[in-house]
Amino acid sequence: MYTERYYKLISFLFKLGNILCVFCITFDPETKTFYPVAKRKNKVLIMVLVIITGLYMYFTVDTYLYKGWNSNEYFHITYGYAFLGLLQVLNLYFMLINRSDIALLLNQVIRYFKNIQRKKKQPF
């Protein structure tokens, strides 16, 4: 079902995400397990989350106060983007809090697919 290249690809993608401080989880292709990243990356990720939230809120308040509330045709779309951005930031924040549970879940999914792969190889 999965080749060794697949595990290397997953490892590369998670390493790239960790360099950019997006993921709180990394993957080891030799043991084929996910594990949480050290807490030292938390500060950078929290700072990124605060900056993103601040930008969304700034543009919404700017459109509300200085460009006219209902008279501005872009207010509702700006408000919608701010709400979607808030949902995005909350998801990243919950990933930061529950990263060990997410790593455990991903490990269970990988093991489940390994069992399916073994069962498919057996003749019926």
C-alpha atoms as a PDB file:
ATOM      1  CA  MET A   1       0.000   0.000   0.000  1.00  0.00           C
ATOM      2  CA  TYR A   2       2.723   2.497   0.991  1.00  0.00           C
ATOM      3  CA  THR A   3       6.310   2.382  -0.166  1.00  0.00           C
ATOM      4  CA  GLU A   4       9.334   3.648   1.705  1.00  0.00           C
ATOM      5  CA  ARG A   5       9.291   6.763  -0.461  1.00  0.00           C
ATOM      6  CA  TYR A   6       5.921   7.662   1.003  1.00  0.00           C
ATOM      7  CA  TYR A   7       7.360   7.735   4.521  1.00  0.00           C
ATOM      8  CA  LYS A   8      10.317   9.814   3.365  1.00  0.00           C
ATOM      9  CA  LEU A   9       7.924  12.252   1.706  1.00  0.00           C
ATOM     10  CA  ILE A  10       5.889  12.604   4.892  1.00  0.00           C
ATOM     11  CA  SER A  11       9.100  13.175   6.844  1.00  0.00           C
ATOM     12  CA  PHE A  12      10.228  15.865   4.400  1.00  0.00           C
ATOM     13  CA  LEU A  13       6.869  17.661   4.508  1.00  0.00           C
ATOM     14  CA  PHE A  14       6.774  17.700   8.304  1.00  0.00           C
ATOM     15  CA  LYS A  15      10.398  18.898   8.492  1.00  0.00           C
ATOM     16  CA  LEU A  16       9.572  21.708   6.085  1.00  0.00           C
ATOM     17  CA  GLY A  17       6.577  22.647   8.203  1.00  0.00           C
ATOM     18  CA  ASN A  18       8.701  22.593  11.357  1.00  0.00           C
ATOM     19  CA  ILE A  19      11.276  24.901   9.772  1.00  0.00           C
ATOM     20  CA  LEU A  20       8.486  27.360   9.022  1.00  0.00           C
ATOM     21  CA  CYS A  21       7.083  26.772  12.566  1.00  0.00           C
ATOM     22  CA  VAL A  22       3.709  25.647  11.250  1.00  0.00           C
ATOM     23  CA  PHE A  23       3.543  22.092  12.594  1.00  0.00           C
ATOM     24  CA  CYS A  24       4.086  21.019  16.187  1.00  0.00           C
ATOM     25  CA  ILE A  25       4.613  17.397  15.140  1.00  0.00           C
ATOM     26  CA  THR A  26       7.379  15.665  13.215  1.00  0.00           C
ATOM     27  CA  PHE A  27       7.732  12.226  11.622  1.00  0.00           C
ATOM     28  CA  ASP A  28      10.569   9.708  11.857  1.00  0.00           C
ATOM     29  CA  PRO A  29      10.652   7.536   8.690  1.00  0.00           C
ATOM     30  CA  GLU A  30      12.858   4.841  10.264  1.00  0.00           C
ATOM     31  CA  THR A  31      10.501   4.067  13.147  1.00  0.00           C
ATOM     32  CA  LYS A  32       7.429   5.282  11.199  1.00  0.00           C
ATOM     33  CA  THR A  33       6.117   7.245  14.155  1.00  0.00           C
ATOM     34  CA  PHE A  34       4.967  10.798  14.740  1.00  0.00           C
ATOM     35  CA  TYR A  35       6.128  12.666  17.809  1.00  0.00           C
ATOM     36  CA  PRO A  36       5.668  16.194  19.166  1.00  0.00           C
ATOM     37  CA  VAL A  37       8.363  18.803  18.609  1.00  0.00           C
ATOM     38  CA  ALA A  38      10.163  20.362  21.564  1.00  0.00           C
ATOM     39  CA  LYS A  39       8.431  23.257  23.255  1.00  0.00           C
ATOM     40  CA  ARG A  40      11.088  25.736  22.152  1.00  0.00           C
ATOM     41  CA  LYS A  41       9.167  26.324  18.932  1.00  0.00           C
ATOM     42  CA  ASN A  42       6.063  27.385  20.871  1.00  0.00           C
ATOM     43  CA  LYS A  43       7.192  30.983  21.219  1.00  0.00           C
ATOM     44  CA  VAL A  44       7.626  31.454  17.487  1.00  0.00           C
ATOM     45  CA  LEU A  45       4.305  29.801  16.680  1.00  0.00           C
ATOM     46  CA  ILE A  46       2.443  31.837  19.296  1.00  0.00           C
ATOM     47  CA  MET A  47       4.065  35.014  17.967  1.00  0.00           C
ATOM     48  CA  VAL A  48       2.946  34.114  14.426  1.00  0.00           C
ATOM     49  CA  LEU A  49      -0.583  33.435  15.670  1.00  0.00           C
ATOM     50  CA  VAL A  50      -0.713  36.782  17.468  1.00  0.00           C
ATOM     51  CA  ILE A  51       0.560  38.638  14.393  1.00  0.00           C
ATOM     52  CA  ILE A  52      -1.981  36.953  12.097  1.00  0.00           C
ATOM     53  CA  THR A  53      -4.834  37.668  14.498  1.00  0.00           C
ATOM     54  CA  GLY A  54      -3.688  41.255  14.903  1.00  0.00           C
ATOM     55  CA  LEU A  55      -3.589  41.826  11.153  1.00  0.00           C
ATOM     56  CA  TYR A  56      -7.077  40.424  10.651  1.00  0.00           C
ATOM     57  CA  MET A  57      -8.455  42.547  13.463  1.00  0.00           C
ATOM     58  CA  TYR A  58      -6.605  45.667  12.302  1.00  0.00           C
ATOM     59  CA  PHE A  59      -8.045  45.534   8.798  1.00  0.00           C
ATOM     60  CA  THR A  60     -11.544  44.909  10.119  1.00  0.00           C
ATOM     61  CA  VAL A  61     -11.396  47.802  12.603  1.00  0.00           C
ATOM     62  CA  ASP A  62      -9.773  50.034   9.978  1.00  0.00           C
ATOM     63  CA  THR A  63     -12.590  49.353   7.552  1.00  0.00           C
ATOM     64  CA  TYR A  64     -15.181  49.836  10.311  1.00  0.00           C
ATOM     65  CA  LEU A  65     -13.903  53.102  11.767  1.00  0.00           C
ATOM     66  CA  TYR A  66     -12.162  55.018   9.032  1.00  0.00           C
ATOM     67  CA  LYS A  67     -13.750  53.911   5.791  1.00  0.00           C
ATOM     68  CA  GLY A  68     -17.363  53.917   6.840  1.00  0.00           C
ATOM     69  CA  TRP A  69     -19.250  51.055   8.380  1.00  0.00           C
ATOM     70  CA  ASN A  70     -22.242  50.049   6.245  1.00  0.00           C
ATOM     71  CA  SER A  71     -21.474  52.649   3.610  1.00  0.00           C
ATOM     72  CA  ASN A  72     -18.286  50.802   2.656  1.00  0.00           C
ATOM     73  CA  GLU A  73     -18.912  47.990   0.203  1.00  0.00           C
ATOM     74  CA  TYR A  74     -15.891  46.023   1.445  1.00  0.00           C
ATOM     75  CA  PHE A  75     -16.803  45.926   5.135  1.00  0.00           C
ATOM     76  CA  HIS A  76     -18.780  42.684   5.025  1.00  0.00           C
ATOM     77  CA  ILE A  77     -16.139  40.821   3.050  1.00  0.00           C
ATOM     78  CA  THR A  78     -13.438  42.124   5.416  1.00  0.00           C
ATOM     79  CA  TYR A  79     -15.511  40.993   8.382  1.00  0.00           C
ATOM     80  CA  GLY A  80     -15.937  37.560   6.767  1.00  0.00           C
ATOM     81  CA  TYR A  81     -12.207  37.216   6.186  1.00  0.00           C
ATOM     82  CA  ALA A  82     -11.523  38.233   9.782  1.00  0.00           C
ATOM     83  CA  PHE A  83     -13.912  35.550  11.025  1.00  0.00           C
ATOM     84  CA  LEU A  84     -12.314  32.890   8.801  1.00  0.00           C
ATOM     85  CA  GLY A  85      -8.882  34.003   9.969  1.00  0.00           C
ATOM     86  CA  LEU A  86      -9.982  33.700  13.581  1.00  0.00           C
ATOM     87  CA  LEU A  87     -11.176  30.142  12.934  1.00  0.00           C
ATOM     88  CA  GLN A  88      -7.856  29.350  11.294  1.00  0.00           C
ATOM     89  CA  VAL A  89      -5.870  30.743  14.212  1.00  0.00           C
ATOM     90  CA  LEU A  90      -8.019  28.866  16.741  1.00  0.00           C
ATOM     91  CA  ASN A  91      -7.374  25.587  14.916  1.00  0.00           C
ATOM     92  CA  LEU A  92      -3.624  26.220  14.991  1.00  0.00           C
ATOM     93  CA  TYR A  93      -3.845  27.109  18.686  1.00  0.00           C
ATOM     94  CA  PHE A  94      -5.704  23.885  19.497  1.00  0.00           C
ATOM     95  CA  MET A  95      -3.099  21.954  17.517  1.00  0.00           C
ATOM     96  CA  LEU A  96      -0.455  23.594  19.690  1.00  0.00           C
ATOM     97  CA  ILE A  97      -2.245  22.574  22.891  1.00  0.00           C
ATOM     98  CA  ASN A  98      -3.153  19.009  21.863  1.00  0.00           C
ATOM     99  CA  ARG A  99      -0.064  18.094  19.863  1.00  0.00           C
ATOM    100  CA  SER A 100       0.690  14.883  21.804  1.00  0.00           C
ATOM    101  CA  ASP A 101      -2.866  13.653  21.225  1.00  0.00           C
ATOM    102  CA  ILE A 102      -2.632  14.508  17.523  1.00  0.00           C
ATOM    103  CA  ALA A 103       0.692  12.635  17.250  1.00  0.00           C
ATOM    104  CA  LEU A 104      -0.897   9.622  18.963  1.00  0.00           C
ATOM    105  CA  LEU A 105      -3.838   9.741  16.553  1.00  0.00           C
ATOM    106  CA  LEU A 106      -1.560   9.917  13.510  1.00  0.00           C
ATOM    107  CA  ASN A 107       0.460   6.946  14.821  1.00  0.00           C
ATOM    108  CA  GLN A 108      -2.728   4.929  15.208  1.00  0.00           C
ATOM    109  CA  VAL A 109      -3.781   5.784  11.651  1.00  0.00           C
ATOM    110  CA  ILE A 110      -0.394   4.674  10.262  1.00  0.00           C
ATOM    111  CA  ARG A 111      -0.580   1.384  12.214  1.00  0.00           C
ATOM    112  CA  TYR A 112      -4.126   0.795  11.009  1.00  0.00           C
ATOM    113  CA  PHE A 113      -3.048   1.196   7.391  1.00  0.00           C
ATOM    114  CA  LYS A 114      -0.128  -1.176   7.989  1.00  0.00           C
ATOM    115  CA  ASN A 115      -2.611  -3.802   9.210  1.00  0.00           C
ATOM    116  CA  ILE A 116      -4.759  -3.285   6.107  1.00  0.00           C
ATOM    117  CA  GLN A 117      -1.662  -3.665   3.951  1.00  0.00           C
ATOM    118  CA  ARG A 118      -0.785  -6.972   5.653  1.00  0.00           C
ATOM    119  CA  LYS A 119      -4.330  -8.285   5.256  1.00  0.00           C
ATOM    120  CA  LYS A 120      -4.393  -7.419   1.552  1.00  0.00           C
ATOM    121  CA  LYS A 121      -1.235  -9.438   0.976  1.00  0.00           C
ATOM    122  CA  GLN A 122      -2.777 -12.572   2.497  1.00  0.00           C
ATOM    123  CA  PRO A 123      -4.761 -14.776   0.115  1.00  0.00           C
ATOM    124  CA  PHE A 124      -8.456 -15.150   0.842  1.00  0.00           C
END
